[in-house]
Amino acid sequence: MATLFTAIIDGDLPGRFVWEDELVVGFLTIAPISTGHTLVVPRLEIDHWLDAERGLVAHAVDVAQSIGTAIMQAFRPDRIALLVAGFEVPHMHVHVLGAASERELTFANAKPDTPPAELDAAQQRIRAALVDLGHSDSIPDR
């Protein structure tokens, strides 16, 4: 059964994409903990990250590092956090987000009422930073 993320990847549901390659995509969450909070999601429907091939996990983390560098450049948070929780959607995904402390890293801080214009602006800033970092080939047209 296709997941919510598969529907976003396939274009059946909208997504604010900042990265796309043959193995993974990166798109902003609609309920960010901090500005620019991005999910790196494999195209393959894998429920638990421990079930993914090591090469895919390594690639997802590599992409997360590139996106994290872009978030750092675009928004200048104190740190970039990387979280693998896997409870919201049964499709492996890595959260990449800025934070000032560990206390911020809770989904209780998610903001599901973030205005669409704010999400769009964050997407554009991350994309611009990725271009500056030499990743223009991985930025999708959508």
Protein backbone atom coordinates (compact mmCIF):
# COMPACT_ATOMS: atom_id res chain seq x y z
CA MET A 1 0.00 0.00 0.00
CA ALA A 2 1.39 3.38 -1.01
CA THR A 3 2.31 5.76 1.78
CA LEU A 4 1.57 9.47 2.12
CA PHE A 5 5.18 10.12 1.14
CA THR A 6 4.83 7.99 -2.00
CA ALA A 7 1.85 10.13 -3.01
CA ILE A 8 3.98 13.26 -2.53
CA ILE A 9 6.93 11.75 -4.42
CA ASP A 10 4.64 10.65 -7.28
CA GLY A 11 3.06 14.12 -7.50
CA ASP A 12 -0.38 12.96 -6.37
CA LEU A 13 -0.11 15.30 -3.37
CA PRO A 14 1.73 18.63 -3.32
CA GLY A 15 5.20 18.93 -1.84
CA ARG A 16 7.80 21.67 -1.47
CA PHE A 17 10.79 19.86 -2.93
CA VAL A 18 14.37 21.01 -2.46
CA TRP A 19 16.17 17.84 -3.63
CA GLU A 20 15.56 15.00 -6.05
CA ASP A 21 17.80 12.23 -7.33
CA GLU A 22 17.37 8.63 -8.38
CA LEU A 23 17.29 7.31 -4.78
CA VAL A 24 15.83 10.01 -2.52
CA VAL A 25 13.91 13.26 -2.44
CA GLY A 26 13.97 16.11 0.03
CA PHE A 27 10.88 18.18 0.78
CA LEU A 28 9.76 20.49 3.54
CA THR A 29 7.43 19.15 6.19
CA ILE A 30 4.09 20.94 6.50
CA ALA A 31 4.51 20.96 10.29
CA PRO A 32 8.06 22.25 10.88
CA ILE A 33 9.76 22.29 14.25
CA SER A 34 11.98 25.08 12.93
CA THR A 35 12.19 27.08 9.72
CA GLY A 36 13.40 24.95 6.82
CA HIS A 37 12.67 21.60 8.51
CA THR A 38 13.17 19.15 5.63
CA LEU A 39 12.53 15.44 5.22
CA VAL A 40 14.87 13.22 3.19
CA VAL A 41 12.81 10.28 1.94
CA PRO A 42 13.81 7.28 -0.17
CA ARG A 43 11.77 6.67 -3.28
CA LEU A 44 11.45 3.02 -2.22
CA GLU A 45 8.75 2.34 0.34
CA ILE A 46 10.76 1.10 3.30
CA ASP A 47 8.95 1.18 6.63
CA HIS A 48 11.87 1.02 9.07
CA TRP A 49 15.29 2.49 8.39
CA LEU A 50 16.96 -0.66 9.71
CA ASP A 51 15.41 -2.54 6.77
CA ALA A 52 17.05 -0.24 4.20
CA GLU A 53 20.22 -1.23 2.41
CA ARG A 54 23.28 0.37 4.00
CA GLY A 55 24.09 2.18 0.77
CA LEU A 56 20.66 3.80 0.74
CA VAL A 57 20.96 4.87 4.37
CA ALA A 58 24.41 6.30 3.65
CA HIS A 59 23.08 8.17 0.61
CA ALA A 60 20.13 9.56 2.58
CA VAL A 61 22.50 10.84 5.28
CA ASP A 62 24.83 12.30 2.63
CA VAL A 63 21.90 14.18 1.07
CA ALA A 64 20.76 15.24 4.56
CA GLN A 65 24.23 16.68 5.15
CA SER A 66 24.01 18.72 1.93
CA ILE A 67 20.54 19.96 2.84
CA GLY A 68 21.67 20.64 6.41
CA THR A 69 24.53 22.74 5.09
CA ALA A 70 22.03 24.68 2.98
CA ILE A 71 19.72 25.20 5.98
CA MET A 72 22.70 26.45 7.99
CA GLN A 73 23.64 28.86 5.21
CA ALA A 74 20.06 30.06 4.68
CA PHE A 75 18.90 30.46 8.30
CA ARG A 76 22.00 30.39 10.52
CA PRO A 77 20.66 28.20 13.35
CA ASP A 78 23.02 27.24 16.18
CA ARG A 79 23.11 23.61 15.08
CA ILE A 80 21.69 21.30 12.45
CA ALA A 81 19.94 18.25 13.87
CA LEU A 82 19.37 14.93 12.16
CA LEU A 83 16.52 12.76 13.46
CA VAL A 84 15.25 9.35 12.44
CA ALA A 85 12.00 8.71 14.28
CA GLY A 86 9.70 6.95 11.84
CA PHE A 87 6.46 7.11 13.76
CA GLU A 88 4.40 9.59 11.75
CA VAL A 89 4.47 7.89 8.35
CA PRO A 90 5.47 4.23 7.76
CA HIS A 91 8.05 5.23 5.15
CA MET A 92 11.68 5.76 6.16
CA HIS A 93 12.61 9.42 6.43
CA VAL A 94 15.29 11.59 7.96
CA HIS A 95 14.44 14.94 9.55
CA VAL A 96 16.96 17.74 8.92
CA LEU A 97 16.38 20.90 10.95
CA GLY A 98 18.00 23.77 12.73
CA ALA A 99 17.94 23.93 16.52
CA ALA A 100 19.48 25.83 19.41
CA SER A 101 19.12 23.04 21.99
CA GLU A 102 18.01 19.45 22.45
CA ARG A 103 14.85 20.72 24.17
CA GLU A 104 13.69 22.01 20.79
CA LEU A 105 13.91 18.56 19.20
CA THR A 106 10.44 17.36 20.03
CA PHE A 107 7.48 16.97 17.73
CA ALA A 108 5.44 18.76 20.40
CA ASN A 109 7.13 21.89 18.96
CA ALA A 110 5.88 21.21 15.42
CA LYS A 111 3.90 24.07 13.89
CA PRO A 112 1.13 22.58 11.69
CA ASP A 113 -0.36 26.06 11.22
CA THR A 114 2.72 27.47 9.47
CA PRO A 115 1.46 29.77 6.69
CA PRO A 116 2.04 28.40 3.17
CA ALA A 117 3.89 31.59 2.18
CA GLU A 118 6.38 30.97 5.00
CA LEU A 119 6.96 27.40 3.80
CA ASP A 120 7.37 28.62 0.21
CA ALA A 121 9.93 31.22 1.31
CA ALA A 122 11.90 28.59 3.25
CA GLN A 123 11.89 26.29 0.22
CA GLN A 124 13.26 29.06 -2.00
CA ARG A 125 16.01 29.97 0.48
CA ILE A 126 17.12 26.34 0.80
CA ARG A 127 17.10 25.90 -2.97
CA ALA A 128 19.18 29.07 -3.41
CA ALA A 129 21.68 27.85 -0.83
CA LEU A 130 21.89 24.45 -2.56
CA VAL A 131 22.66 26.22 -5.84
CA ASP A 132 25.39 28.23 -4.07
CA LEU A 133 26.79 24.95 -2.72
CA GLY A 134 26.97 23.41 -6.20
CA HIS A 135 23.93 21.14 -6.07
CA SER A 136 21.84 22.69 -8.82
CA ASP A 137 21.61 19.34 -10.64
CA SER A 138 19.67 17.89 -7.70
CA ILE A 139 17.08 20.66 -7.44
CA PRO A 140 13.81 19.55 -9.05
CA ASP A 141 11.65 21.67 -11.32
CA ARG A 142 8.63 21.04 -9.12
